[in-house]
Amino acid sequence: SSAFLDRAIRLPESQSYLQSVVITNNVGLRIASSSEAAETHSFVGEETWWKESSRGEKGAVYIGGIYQDAQNASDFLFDIALPVLHKGTGRFLGILKASLHLKAFLQPFIYPIRFGSTGHAMLIDSAGVVLICPILPTGSHVADPALLERITADQSGWVTAHNDGHGGTNSLVGFAPVSAVNQLVSSQGGKQWHSFIRQEPKETYEPVQSLIRTVFTYGSLLVGLTGAIGFVVAGKLVRPLLLLHEGAEHIRKGDLGYRLQVKTDDEIEALADKFNEMAEKLSESYATLEHKVLARTRELQAINQIAATANQSLELQGLLDTTLEKVIEVTGFESGYVEILDLKESRLLMKSHFGLSPDLLDQLHSGGNRLASMEVIDTRAPVILEETRASDVTSPLMSAGYQTLIAFPIQSKNKIIGAFTLGSRTARTFTAQDLQLLSSIGNQVGTAVENAHLYQKEQETVEKLMEMDRVKSEFLSNISHELRTPLTSIIGFSEILLDRLAGDLTPDQESYVRNMNTSGQHLLEIINNILDLSKIKAGRMEVHPHPFSLRALLETIQQTIIPMTYKKGLHFDLSIDDGLDMIYTDEGKMKQILLNLLGNAVKFTPAKGAIQLQVRSGRLGRAKAIEMSVRDTGIGIPPHALSKIFDEFQQIDGSYTRDYPGTGLGLAITKRFVDILGGEISVESQSGVGSTFKVLVPTPEERDIRQPTLQTFSTAEMRSKTDVTSPLATAFENRSEHRDEDRPRILVVEDDPAVAKLLALYLTQEGYAVEHAYDGQDAIEKAQEMRPFAITLDIMLPRIDGWEVLKKLKTLPATKDIPVIIVSIVENPTLGFSLGAVDYFTKPINRKGLIDSLKKYSITQSVVRKPINFLVIEQDTVVMEQIGSILDEERFGVIKANGGEEGIALAVEIQPDLILLDLMLQNISGIETIHRLKQHPTARNIPIILFASRELTTEEKQILDGQVREIIYKNPSLKETLIQEVRKFEKLYPDKAKMIDGLTGLYNERYLNHRLADEVNRAFRYKRPFSILISNVDRFRVFNRRYGTEAGNHVLRELAVLYRRNTRASNPLCRAGGSTFVLLMPETTRDSAKMAAEKIRRLVESYDFSIPGKQTLEMVTVSIGTSTFFDDADSAEKMIIQAGNALKNAQEQGGNRTMSHDRVRT
């Protein structure tokens, strides 16, 4: 675990003799090191220490030879490698190698061994290299081959050295192998260690030399005089010397227990005593050295076992239980317990115990005595309790028959965090080494406990972060849903304003509203991305695979992308393999993936760049797949950023975020969508050159795809194929009885007034009648009562939620066949469709999608769009019904207000095209109502027609002068007068009468119909010539597919300007939809009309429609058809037909032509 690695590599911080620690895995890769210079994950499997320590199933301990420290040439190191095994299975996991400072490790054992003034001990290896010596430097060699051969023999002994390496000759040297170490290295072929003791020859033989000098001096003087005495004395000297030599031989052979028996009461006996004393010291020194090496080895083994046990778990309780058991096993105690210091309460808490009876545990928990562990906390040192020694500190264990008890601290980073207490039923003594061992154990366990605490805190932090992430996702999801409700109103009402459904806009107003709509759409995109991300994280993102045409999908994507590329002046190319069409996957997610990638390409590619989308067959593993590549010549992605581009909320860097705005969610969602579809996504990029994103999505075999059967029917055929006896047809038929003629009724179930009003505007503008229900119960009752044509249903409703309403509607006989379209912020179309909904829209409302969905169910209904909305403010119900009936017959939209207050509020909210106001109102008068309307900035420019049942006074006329468009008196001719005024209104206010084309600013088709009829009547009345000219852009649909809708709109606007500049201002110019323009030419003969048509054709042919600095467009041409009143036709309808046929013939002959209805003119 990471905690074990962390503890291991920190060992050099607490053990001065450790130079470094390296840990590898079971294949020789370095995974941790205390040295910052070491390269993690480098391979060390070829190193000797690794090979030797990894031998066998469970490895072996390895002790290496000495070598110089690379950072300090005067320092020598040696390596110890230990295998790391799994506690439960014993499986070999890796190797821990420690590099030890040779001198720091061995000095405490060797340097204290001294005898005499020059006698000392040292260690060498089998190659004669000095490991440690008080005199010789580490790394030097024993130069005498004979001496080295005797020392390295696998036995102890003594030898007289001619060269002992210390400058002495004929020195007496003792030696012996260090068996504890040699047993470990013998199986590895390593160099064995040998102890070596010596003393300066001068000091060793000083008594002999002194005696020889004395004998020589006195002998020389007495030799001649005391020959006989000399012989006796010589006899006494020879035997002791022979004994001395014999003793030296015994010691040389390793018999350190041999002693000389010389009793001469003279210097020889003194020499013999010195010799015996030296042998005794040599024996004691050797025994002490071997004991210390063995003790140190046992200490290291014990620490290693406990460290391994402590590092097996990061769970505190498990760690303490297993570690206490191992400590008792290693130290030979019988019972014990562990206490951890609670810093908040400043007391010790028992966390683990072993070998203690319940009674003893109760006594320990009672806290009546000052326990040894408490003393440990205060003194920071071990505390020993013995039965034979009185102490202020006690323990219930001593009363229970325990002879010895020791408590020692658990430390971490020089802080006491707890204490061990161990008990023995037999008396024990403790040496300094024993206490040192226990201290090391306390340090090891302290580090493990601290790591366990850190791990526990880390786990708690992770859990908190996970909870915070969950709360964050839930918050984002909730707030995103809540934001959709106001966005529905912002986007919907701004679209109504842009469509001029609430009146004309000034250029500045249009710019403001368009910015508002664009910002709303951008915010909606961000919200949708956040919701998608939340769904993906929550595992609620569903996949809906089905067979679909890949080519049709790519054509739709192309229509979306081309305007974006056109706007930036980019070249876009799409290529797809031949024969690749029907595939089986989630079409929506495929579309989103490609749109995200292409949108990014457009965003990051500068003007005049190129984008390519290539689609072909591929393979993902063994499965067939679709390979989609999006290439661009954009700014590219730096290598360091490639690894994070699919992360959430990531942009390449801060500068890009400013130059290329975005949330950084597009690619993150794309990656997750690809993953959901079982695919792969990759990217290649080069800064300043461009990027290529490649997506592979698996698809099933072609034989597994069920090809859909496509049939097309005309409306008449569809009606003929509809079984009028079917429940659906019966429902339509029955519902038609409960609606106004030609006005299908929609029940809008929505509790938010703003959204309900928006839906009503959408639907009434399309010719539907609207009824409202504001809660679930009301919806069910009104649906049964009204039996509407269709129902739009919100899910989040008061009283009864939308799901229950839908279930109820589908079980009631009267409502089960009514189409229900869900419009809600709740995203669960799967549930909606399963309960019987025919369509599902998520707010903000998709106006076009909603209307298209309703039209699918208008099999027997004719929906007529209302061109103008009237607000009628009238309190007389009879007059209100009369006016409503008149306007209904003329296909106008009628909004009714009962009184001035309600009328003012509705005028401000819905901004009608025209207000019809009664003079005689209650509460506030008609004049006061008009005054307040004219004071309001929103309603002040709405034209007003005033109804009056009496003649107005002069004062009233002065007050109303300039305030109303017309005054109509209530009389039997009210209908004719009202229609006449409305027609005047249409001519005077074509923009408010919905007669202005929003794209070009020209008159629209509705104006054309009115004006054409007037001009034909005028030509007929005064017998004057009148011609019309109808033009159409050649192959305009192909142009739009190639360059995009925005480029097409640009051409139409340029054509409008070109036509207007080159025709008479008195000739009305209209756009009749698409690329069709109609020019009305009063006082124009047939030949003049043809000349005008040819002039326009040539102007268009030579005009450059390219967008400066953005895109070069191909040549645009038009075909034109003409017709003249009386010469070609005798009615407005026939003129339109004749000119239309002429235009059709011109286009069929290749286009770029002008024709009359009967012959061609090139």
Foldseek 3Di string as FASTA:
>chain_A
DVLLLVLLQCVCVVDVQWDKKWKDWLQAFTQHIVDPPDDHRDGPCPPLQNVQQNPDFLGAWAKADKDADPVHRQWIKIKIKHFFAAPPPRGTTTIMMTIGGLCVVCVVQFVVQADDPFKGKFKDWLQQATSDDPPDRGRDGQPDPVVSVLQNDQAWFWDQACCRPPPAGRWIKTKHWLVVVCVRCVVSPHITMMMMMTGHVCVLCVLVVVVVVVCVVVCVVCVVPPVVVVVVVVVLPVVLVVQVVVQSRCRRGVNLVDAGDDDDPDSSVVSSVVVNVVSVSVVVSVVSSSVVVVLVVLLVVLLVVLLSLLPNDLAQLSSQARSLVSVCVSVVFQWKWKWFQDPVVRDTDTRYIPDDDPVQVVVVVVPPAAAQFNVCQVVVAKDKDALVDDDSHDGVVSVVQFGIKMKHFQDEPNHGGIIMITTHNDDDDDDPSNRVSVNSSSPSNNSSNVSSVVVVVVVVVVVVVVVVVVVVLVVLLVVLLVVLVVLLLLQLVLVCVLLCVQHDDDPVRVVVSVVSNVVSVQSNVVSVLSNLVSCLVVVNDDWDKAKFWPVVLVLVLLQVLLVLQLVQQEAEEEEEDPPDTIFITRSVLVSLLVNLVSVVQSLFAHHHKYKYWYWYWDDDVPFIWIKIKIKIQGQWADPVQQVPLLPFQDDRDDVCCVSRPDRSSSSVSSQSSLVVQVKDWHKDIDGNGIIMIMIIGGTHDPVVHDDDDDDDDDLVVVVVPDDCPDLLNVLQVVLCVLDDPLAFEEEEEAQDVSSLVSVCSLRVQQFHHYDYDNALVSVLVCCLVNSTQAYEAEQDGPPHGRLVSLLVQCVDSSRVNHAYEYEYQDDDVVSVVVSPHPYYHHGSDPSVVVVVSSVVSCSPHRGDGAQFEEEEEDQPVVVVVVVVVLCVVVRHHYDYDDFLVRSLVCCQVSNGQEYEYEQPGPPDGRLVSLVVLCVDPRRNPRAYEYEYQDDDDPVVCVSCVVSHPYYDYDDPCRSVVVVVVVVVCCVVCVRSSNQADSLQRAGEPVVVVVVLQVLLVVCVVVVAKKKKKKKAKAPLVVQCSNNHPVLSSLVLNVLSVLVCVLDDPVWGWYDHDDRIIMTIDTRADPVRVQVSVLVSQVVQQPDFSRDPPRYGGDRIGMEMEMDMDPVQHPHSVRRVVQRVCQRVVCNVVPGSFYGYSPDTDD
